[in-house]
Structure formats: C-alpha cells, structure tokens
Amino acid sequence: MNFVLQFATKTRLPEFSNVPIAQDLVTNEDDRALISMLETPFFMARPFAGSPGMPPDRVKILRYAFMAAHADPAYKKEAKKLRLLVSVASGAEVQKLVEKLAKTRRRFLPVIPLFWPTRNRSCARLTGSRFPES
C-alpha cells in the first residue's frame, strides 16, 4: 500500500516518516488556510466545553484535571494496551483553534458541508459565529 499524504497531523507520524503531511504539499496561503480549516476538527476531536460565563478559577481547575488525567501512567498504559493513539490538546490550544476557526475566510465556508456532513455547529455556538445553512 502506498500512502500519499498524512492529514490532520502537525508532524509526520514515525511509522510514515517518508509520507508528507497535507501542509507540506500546499504552495500558497489560501490553500494553507483551507487545509488548516479542514483539519481543525481532528485537532479537537472530542472537546469539553463549559457554560458561558464559567468563572476563570473553575476553568483553570478543569483544564488542570483534564491534563493531569492524560499524564497519568495508568491511563497511558491502558491506552497503549488498547492500541489507542492519544494526542491530547490543552484547553488553551482548543480555545485558540475555535477562535481561529471563527475567523475563517468566508469564501471557504461553502465547503464545510462537503467535509463535515453532519453540519456540526458546536464551534459556531462556542464562538458566536454564524455559518451559512447551505
């Protein structure tokens, strides 16, 4: 089997070190921005979100607990046993991704339903952005 590219990874996986990531193949900023927008859901596959107006001290505690759970040796051992690829993103990283997604160039928005057919609007709800319905 010949792999052409790696999508939704910031660096090449060691097992496929000779296969370029999608960002390696683009040659202009528009293409780079489009790839970045399409990869965003993979970098925050299962985000946790609190209610609007959550006190900053609670946000800090929850973010700390989440990262501590992912650093736990027992958790890592179980994930390895199950052969899960775990790549945790901090709350601050996810927040930056959502903010970046909210600033997506409008001309890219019509392609969203092609790649996200479930029309998941969670990022729009988190940022107050409005994506077109079609």
N, C-alpha and C. Protein backbone atom coordinates (compact mmCIF):
# COMPACT_ATOMS: atom_id res chain seq x y z
N MET A 1 0.84 -1.16 0.00
CA MET A 1 0.00 0.00 0.00
C MET A 1 0.90 1.24 0.00
N ASN A 2 0.60 2.20 -0.84
CA ASN A 2 1.36 3.45 -0.90
C ASN A 2 0.51 4.59 -0.36
N PHE A 3 0.99 5.23 0.68
CA PHE A 3 0.29 6.36 1.27
C PHE A 3 0.73 7.64 0.57
N VAL A 4 -0.22 8.51 0.29
CA VAL A 4 0.06 9.73 -0.45
C VAL A 4 0.34 10.90 0.49
N LEU A 5 -0.47 11.03 1.55
CA LEU A 5 -0.26 12.12 2.50
C LEU A 5 -0.86 11.77 3.84
N GLN A 6 -0.41 12.52 4.84
CA GLN A 6 -0.96 12.41 6.18
C GLN A 6 -1.80 13.66 6.42
N PHE A 7 -3.03 13.44 6.85
CA PHE A 7 -3.96 14.55 7.07
C PHE A 7 -4.27 14.64 8.55
N ALA A 8 -4.40 15.86 9.03
CA ALA A 8 -4.78 16.12 10.42
C ALA A 8 -3.71 15.68 11.41
N THR A 9 -2.48 15.97 11.06
CA THR A 9 -1.37 15.77 11.99
C THR A 9 -0.39 16.92 11.77
N LYS A 10 0.13 17.42 12.86
CA LYS A 10 1.05 18.56 12.76
C LYS A 10 2.45 18.13 12.35
N THR A 11 2.79 16.89 12.66
CA THR A 11 4.09 16.35 12.30
C THR A 11 3.88 14.96 11.70
N ARG A 12 4.87 14.50 10.99
CA ARG A 12 4.79 13.16 10.39
C ARG A 12 4.83 12.10 11.49
N LEU A 13 3.95 11.12 11.37
CA LEU A 13 3.99 10.00 12.30
C LEU A 13 5.26 9.20 12.03
N PRO A 14 5.93 8.72 13.07
CA PRO A 14 7.18 8.00 12.89
C PRO A 14 7.05 6.80 11.95
N GLU A 15 5.89 6.14 11.98
CA GLU A 15 5.68 4.97 11.13
C GLU A 15 5.61 5.33 9.65
N PHE A 16 5.33 6.62 9.36
CA PHE A 16 5.19 7.08 7.99
C PHE A 16 6.08 8.30 7.74
N SER A 17 7.30 8.22 8.18
CA SER A 17 8.20 9.38 8.11
C SER A 17 8.48 9.85 6.68
N ASN A 18 8.27 8.99 5.70
CA ASN A 18 8.51 9.40 4.31
C ASN A 18 7.24 9.93 3.62
N VAL A 19 6.12 9.97 4.34
CA VAL A 19 4.86 10.44 3.77
C VAL A 19 4.62 11.87 4.24
N PRO A 20 4.45 12.82 3.32
CA PRO A 20 4.28 14.22 3.73
C PRO A 20 2.94 14.47 4.41
N ILE A 21 2.93 15.50 5.27
CA ILE A 21 1.66 15.94 5.83
C ILE A 21 1.02 16.90 4.82
N ALA A 22 -0.28 17.09 4.93
CA ALA A 22 -1.01 17.91 3.96
C ALA A 22 -0.41 19.30 3.84
N GLN A 23 -0.03 19.90 4.94
CA GLN A 23 0.53 21.26 4.92
C GLN A 23 1.83 21.34 4.13
N ASP A 24 2.56 20.21 4.04
CA ASP A 24 3.81 20.19 3.26
C ASP A 24 3.56 20.36 1.76
N LEU A 25 2.36 20.02 1.32
CA LEU A 25 2.08 19.98 -0.11
C LEU A 25 1.45 21.25 -0.67
N VAL A 26 1.00 22.15 0.20
CA VAL A 26 0.36 23.36 -0.30
C VAL A 26 1.42 24.42 -0.60
N THR A 27 1.11 25.27 -1.59
CA THR A 27 2.11 26.24 -2.03
C THR A 27 1.68 27.68 -1.86
N ASN A 28 0.43 27.92 -1.40
CA ASN A 28 0.02 29.31 -1.20
C ASN A 28 -0.82 29.43 0.07
N GLU A 29 -0.98 30.64 0.54
CA GLU A 29 -1.65 30.89 1.82
C GLU A 29 -3.13 30.50 1.80
N ASP A 30 -3.82 30.69 0.68
CA ASP A 30 -5.23 30.28 0.61
C ASP A 30 -5.37 28.78 0.81
N ASP A 31 -4.53 28.00 0.14
CA ASP A 31 -4.59 26.55 0.30
C ASP A 31 -4.22 26.14 1.72
N ARG A 32 -3.22 26.81 2.28
CA ARG A 32 -2.79 26.52 3.65
C ARG A 32 -3.95 26.80 4.63
N ALA A 33 -4.64 27.91 4.42
CA ALA A 33 -5.77 28.27 5.30
C ALA A 33 -6.91 27.26 5.15
N LEU A 34 -7.17 26.82 3.93
CA LEU A 34 -8.24 25.84 3.71
C LEU A 34 -7.90 24.51 4.37
N ILE A 35 -6.69 24.02 4.20
CA ILE A 35 -6.27 22.78 4.85
C ILE A 35 -6.37 22.93 6.36
N SER A 36 -5.91 24.05 6.88
CA SER A 36 -5.97 24.30 8.32
C SER A 36 -7.42 24.25 8.83
N MET A 37 -8.34 24.88 8.09
CA MET A 37 -9.75 24.86 8.49
C MET A 37 -10.28 23.43 8.49
N LEU A 38 -9.96 22.65 7.46
CA LEU A 38 -10.48 21.30 7.35
C LEU A 38 -9.88 20.35 8.38
N GLU A 39 -8.67 20.63 8.83
CA GLU A 39 -8.02 19.77 9.83
C GLU A 39 -8.47 20.10 11.26
N THR A 40 -9.00 21.29 11.47
CA THR A 40 -9.33 21.73 12.83
C THR A 40 -10.14 20.73 13.64
N PRO A 41 -11.21 20.14 13.12
CA PRO A 41 -11.98 19.20 13.95
C PRO A 41 -11.16 18.01 14.44
N PHE A 42 -10.15 17.62 13.70
CA PHE A 42 -9.33 16.49 14.10
C PHE A 42 -8.39 16.85 15.25
N PHE A 43 -8.04 18.11 15.36
CA PHE A 43 -7.17 18.54 16.45
C PHE A 43 -7.93 18.78 17.74
N MET A 44 -9.24 18.77 17.65
CA MET A 44 -10.06 18.91 18.86
C MET A 44 -11.24 17.95 18.73
N ALA A 45 -10.92 16.68 18.49
CA ALA A 45 -11.92 15.68 18.16
C ALA A 45 -13.06 15.58 19.17
N ARG A 46 -12.76 15.62 20.42
CA ARG A 46 -13.79 15.49 21.45
C ARG A 46 -13.59 16.56 22.53
N PRO A 47 -13.83 17.80 22.16
CA PRO A 47 -13.58 18.87 23.14
C PRO A 47 -14.62 18.88 24.25
N PHE A 48 -14.19 19.33 25.39
CA PHE A 48 -15.09 19.55 26.51
C PHE A 48 -15.31 21.05 26.61
N ALA A 49 -16.52 21.45 26.84
CA ALA A 49 -16.83 22.88 26.93
C ALA A 49 -17.67 23.14 28.16
N GLY A 50 -17.40 24.26 28.80
CA GLY A 50 -18.20 24.69 29.93
C GLY A 50 -19.23 25.70 29.48
N SER A 51 -20.08 26.04 30.39
CA SER A 51 -21.13 27.00 30.06
C SER A 51 -20.53 28.41 29.93
N PRO A 52 -21.17 29.26 29.14
CA PRO A 52 -20.69 30.64 29.03
C PRO A 52 -20.66 31.31 30.40
N GLY A 53 -19.63 32.09 30.60
CA GLY A 53 -19.52 32.81 31.86
C GLY A 53 -18.97 31.99 33.01
N MET A 54 -18.45 30.82 32.73
CA MET A 54 -17.87 29.99 33.80
C MET A 54 -16.73 30.76 34.46
N PRO A 55 -16.70 30.80 35.78
CA PRO A 55 -15.62 31.53 36.46
C PRO A 55 -14.25 31.01 36.06
N PRO A 56 -13.31 31.91 35.82
CA PRO A 56 -11.96 31.52 35.39
C PRO A 56 -11.28 30.51 36.31
N ASP A 57 -11.53 30.59 37.63
CA ASP A 57 -10.88 29.64 38.54
C ASP A 57 -11.38 28.22 38.29
N ARG A 58 -12.65 28.05 37.94
CA ARG A 58 -13.18 26.72 37.62
C ARG A 58 -12.61 26.22 36.29
N VAL A 59 -12.50 27.11 35.32
CA VAL A 59 -11.91 26.73 34.04
C VAL A 59 -10.49 26.21 34.27
N LYS A 60 -9.74 26.93 35.09
CA LYS A 60 -8.36 26.54 35.39
C LYS A 60 -8.30 25.16 36.05
N ILE A 61 -9.17 24.91 37.01
CA ILE A 61 -9.21 23.62 37.71
C ILE A 61 -9.56 22.49 36.74
N LEU A 62 -10.57 22.70 35.91
CA LEU A 62 -10.98 21.66 34.97
C LEU A 62 -9.89 21.38 33.94
N ARG A 63 -9.25 22.43 33.46
CA ARG A 63 -8.17 22.24 32.49
C ARG A 63 -7.01 21.48 33.12
N TYR A 64 -6.68 21.81 34.34
CA TYR A 64 -5.60 21.12 35.04
C TYR A 64 -5.95 19.64 35.22
N ALA A 65 -7.17 19.35 35.67
CA ALA A 65 -7.59 17.97 35.91
C ALA A 65 -7.57 17.15 34.62
N PHE A 66 -8.01 17.75 33.53
CA PHE A 66 -8.01 17.07 32.24
C PHE A 66 -6.60 16.69 31.82
N MET A 67 -5.69 17.64 31.92
CA MET A 67 -4.31 17.37 31.52
C MET A 67 -3.64 16.37 32.48
N ALA A 68 -3.98 16.45 33.76
CA ALA A 68 -3.42 15.51 34.74
C ALA A 68 -3.88 14.08 34.44
N ALA A 69 -5.15 13.93 34.07
CA ALA A 69 -5.67 12.60 33.73
C ALA A 69 -4.90 12.02 32.55
N HIS A 70 -4.59 12.86 31.57
CA HIS A 70 -3.87 12.36 30.39
C HIS A 70 -2.39 12.11 30.66
N ALA A 71 -1.89 12.64 31.75
CA ALA A 71 -0.49 12.40 32.14
C ALA A 71 -0.36 11.19 33.06
N ASP A 72 -1.48 10.67 33.54
CA ASP A 72 -1.48 9.55 34.48
C ASP A 72 -0.91 8.29 33.83
N PRO A 73 0.12 7.70 34.45
CA PRO A 73 0.73 6.49 33.88
C PRO A 73 -0.26 5.34 33.65
N ALA A 74 -1.23 5.18 34.55
CA ALA A 74 -2.23 4.11 34.38
C ALA A 74 -3.08 4.36 33.14
N TYR A 75 -3.44 5.60 32.92
CA TYR A 75 -4.22 5.96 31.72
C TYR A 75 -3.41 5.67 30.46
N LYS A 76 -2.15 6.09 30.47
CA LYS A 76 -1.28 5.86 29.32
C LYS A 76 -1.08 4.37 29.06
N LYS A 77 -0.93 3.59 30.13
CA LYS A 77 -0.74 2.15 30.00
C LYS A 77 -1.98 1.50 29.38
N GLU A 78 -3.15 1.90 29.85
CA GLU A 78 -4.40 1.35 29.32
C GLU A 78 -4.59 1.74 27.85
N ALA A 79 -4.28 2.98 27.52
CA ALA A 79 -4.40 3.43 26.12
C ALA A 79 -3.46 2.63 25.22
N LYS A 80 -2.25 2.38 25.71
CA LYS A 80 -1.28 1.60 24.92
C LYS A 80 -1.77 0.17 24.75
N LYS A 81 -2.33 -0.39 25.83
CA LYS A 81 -2.85 -1.76 25.78
C LYS A 81 -3.97 -1.86 24.74
N LEU A 82 -4.80 -0.84 24.66
CA LEU A 82 -5.91 -0.82 23.71
C LEU A 82 -5.47 -0.34 22.32
N ARG A 83 -4.18 -0.01 22.20
CA ARG A 83 -3.60 0.48 20.94
C ARG A 83 -4.31 1.75 20.45
N LEU A 84 -4.56 2.65 21.38
CA LEU A 84 -5.17 3.93 21.06
C LEU A 84 -4.09 4.98 20.82
N LEU A 85 -4.28 5.77 19.80
CA LEU A 85 -3.39 6.90 19.56
C LEU A 85 -3.96 8.08 20.34
N VAL A 86 -3.29 8.44 21.41
CA VAL A 86 -3.77 9.53 22.27
C VAL A 86 -2.94 10.76 21.98
N SER A 87 -3.60 11.83 21.61
CA SER A 87 -2.91 13.08 21.38
C SER A 87 -3.77 14.17 21.98
N VAL A 88 -3.44 14.49 23.20
CA VAL A 88 -4.24 15.43 23.97
C VAL A 88 -3.93 16.87 23.57
N ALA A 89 -4.97 17.69 23.57
CA ALA A 89 -4.82 19.13 23.34
C ALA A 89 -5.31 19.85 24.58
N SER A 90 -4.57 20.82 25.03
CA SER A 90 -4.96 21.56 26.22
C SER A 90 -6.17 22.45 25.94
N GLY A 91 -6.81 22.90 26.99
CA GLY A 91 -7.94 23.82 26.83
C GLY A 91 -7.55 25.09 26.10
N ALA A 92 -6.38 25.58 26.39
CA ALA A 92 -5.91 26.80 25.71
C ALA A 92 -5.71 26.54 24.22
N GLU A 93 -5.17 25.37 23.86
CA GLU A 93 -4.98 25.03 22.45
C GLU A 93 -6.32 24.93 21.72
N VAL A 94 -7.29 24.27 22.34
CA VAL A 94 -8.61 24.14 21.73
C VAL A 94 -9.27 25.50 21.59
N GLN A 95 -9.14 26.34 22.61
CA GLN A 95 -9.70 27.68 22.55
C GLN A 95 -9.12 28.46 21.36
N LYS A 96 -7.81 28.35 21.15
CA LYS A 96 -7.17 29.02 20.01
C LYS A 96 -7.69 28.48 18.68
N LEU A 97 -7.89 27.15 18.60
CA LEU A 97 -8.43 26.56 17.37
C LEU A 97 -9.82 27.08 17.06
N VAL A 98 -10.66 27.17 18.09
CA VAL A 98 -12.03 27.66 17.90
C VAL A 98 -12.00 29.12 17.47
N GLU A 99 -11.15 29.92 18.11
CA GLU A 99 -11.05 31.33 17.72
C GLU A 99 -10.55 31.47 16.29
N LYS A 100 -9.59 30.64 15.90
CA LYS A 100 -9.07 30.69 14.53
C LYS A 100 -10.16 30.26 13.54
N LEU A 101 -10.90 29.22 13.89
CA LEU A 101 -11.97 28.75 13.03
C LEU A 101 -13.05 29.82 12.85
N ALA A 102 -13.30 30.57 13.91
CA ALA A 102 -14.31 31.64 13.83
C ALA A 102 -13.89 32.74 12.87
N LYS A 103 -12.59 32.84 12.60
CA LYS A 103 -12.08 33.87 11.68
C LYS A 103 -11.88 33.32 10.27
N THR A 104 -12.40 32.13 10.01
CA THR A 104 -12.23 31.50 8.69
C THR A 104 -12.71 32.43 7.59
N ARG A 105 -11.96 32.45 6.54
CA ARG A 105 -12.34 33.28 5.40
C ARG A 105 -13.70 32.83 4.87
N ARG A 106 -14.59 33.77 4.67
CA ARG A 106 -15.96 33.47 4.26
C ARG A 106 -16.03 32.66 2.97
N ARG A 107 -15.11 32.85 2.07
CA ARG A 107 -15.19 32.12 0.80
C ARG A 107 -14.95 30.62 0.99
N PHE A 108 -14.38 30.21 2.12
CA PHE A 108 -14.18 28.80 2.39
C PHE A 108 -15.41 28.14 3.01
N LEU A 109 -16.30 28.91 3.56
CA LEU A 109 -17.43 28.35 4.30
C LEU A 109 -18.33 27.42 3.48
N PRO A 110 -18.56 27.67 2.19
CA PRO A 110 -19.41 26.73 1.44
C PRO A 110 -18.87 25.30 1.35
N VAL A 111 -17.59 25.08 1.58
CA VAL A 111 -17.06 23.72 1.51
C VAL A 111 -17.27 22.95 2.81
N ILE A 112 -17.66 23.61 3.87
CA ILE A 112 -17.83 22.93 5.16
C ILE A 112 -18.77 21.74 5.06
N PRO A 113 -19.96 21.86 4.47
CA PRO A 113 -20.84 20.68 4.41
C PRO A 113 -20.25 19.51 3.64
N LEU A 114 -19.31 19.76 2.74
CA LEU A 114 -18.69 18.67 1.99
C LEU A 114 -17.80 17.81 2.88
N PHE A 115 -17.18 18.44 3.89
CA PHE A 115 -16.26 17.72 4.76
C PHE A 115 -16.84 17.41 6.13
N TRP A 116 -17.83 18.17 6.54
CA TRP A 116 -18.49 17.96 7.83
C TRP A 116 -19.97 17.76 7.57
N PRO A 117 -20.37 16.64 6.98
CA PRO A 117 -21.75 16.44 6.53
C PRO A 117 -22.79 16.46 7.65
N THR A 118 -22.38 16.25 8.88
CA THR A 118 -23.36 16.27 9.96
C THR A 118 -23.75 17.69 10.33
N ARG A 119 -23.09 18.65 9.70
CA ARG A 119 -23.37 20.07 9.97
C ARG A 119 -23.22 20.41 11.45
N ASN A 120 -22.18 19.88 12.03
CA ASN A 120 -21.91 20.13 13.43
C ASN A 120 -21.60 21.61 13.62
N ARG A 121 -22.38 22.26 14.44
CA ARG A 121 -22.24 23.70 14.66
C ARG A 121 -21.65 24.02 16.04
N SER A 122 -21.01 23.04 16.69
CA SER A 122 -20.51 23.30 18.04
C SER A 122 -19.52 24.44 18.07
N CYS A 123 -18.63 24.54 17.08
CA CYS A 123 -17.65 25.63 17.07
C CYS A 123 -18.36 26.96 16.90
N ALA A 124 -19.39 26.99 16.08
CA ALA A 124 -20.13 28.22 15.87
C ALA A 124 -20.82 28.65 17.17
N ARG A 125 -21.37 27.68 17.89
CA ARG A 125 -22.04 28.02 19.15
C ARG A 125 -21.04 28.55 20.17
N LEU A 126 -19.85 27.95 20.20
CA LEU A 126 -18.85 28.36 21.18
C LEU A 126 -18.34 29.78 20.92
N THR A 127 -18.29 30.18 19.67
CA THR A 127 -17.69 31.46 19.34
C THR A 127 -18.71 32.54 19.00
N GLY A 128 -19.97 32.13 18.80
CA GLY A 128 -20.99 33.09 18.40
C GLY A 128 -20.98 33.33 16.91
N SER A 129 -20.17 32.57 16.16
CA SER A 129 -20.12 32.74 14.70
C SER A 129 -21.37 32.14 14.08
N ARG A 130 -21.69 32.60 12.88
CA ARG A 130 -22.83 32.04 12.15
C ARG A 130 -22.33 31.52 10.81
N PHE A 131 -22.44 30.20 10.65
CA PHE A 131 -22.10 29.60 9.38
C PHE A 131 -23.38 29.54 8.54
N PRO A 132 -23.27 29.65 7.22
CA PRO A 132 -24.46 29.54 6.37
C PRO A 132 -25.07 28.15 6.45
N GLU A 133 -26.37 28.04 6.27
CA GLU A 133 -27.07 26.75 6.36
C GLU A 133 -26.80 25.86 5.17
N SER A 134 -26.46 26.40 4.01
CA SER A 134 -26.22 25.52 2.87
C SER A 134 -24.85 25.78 2.28
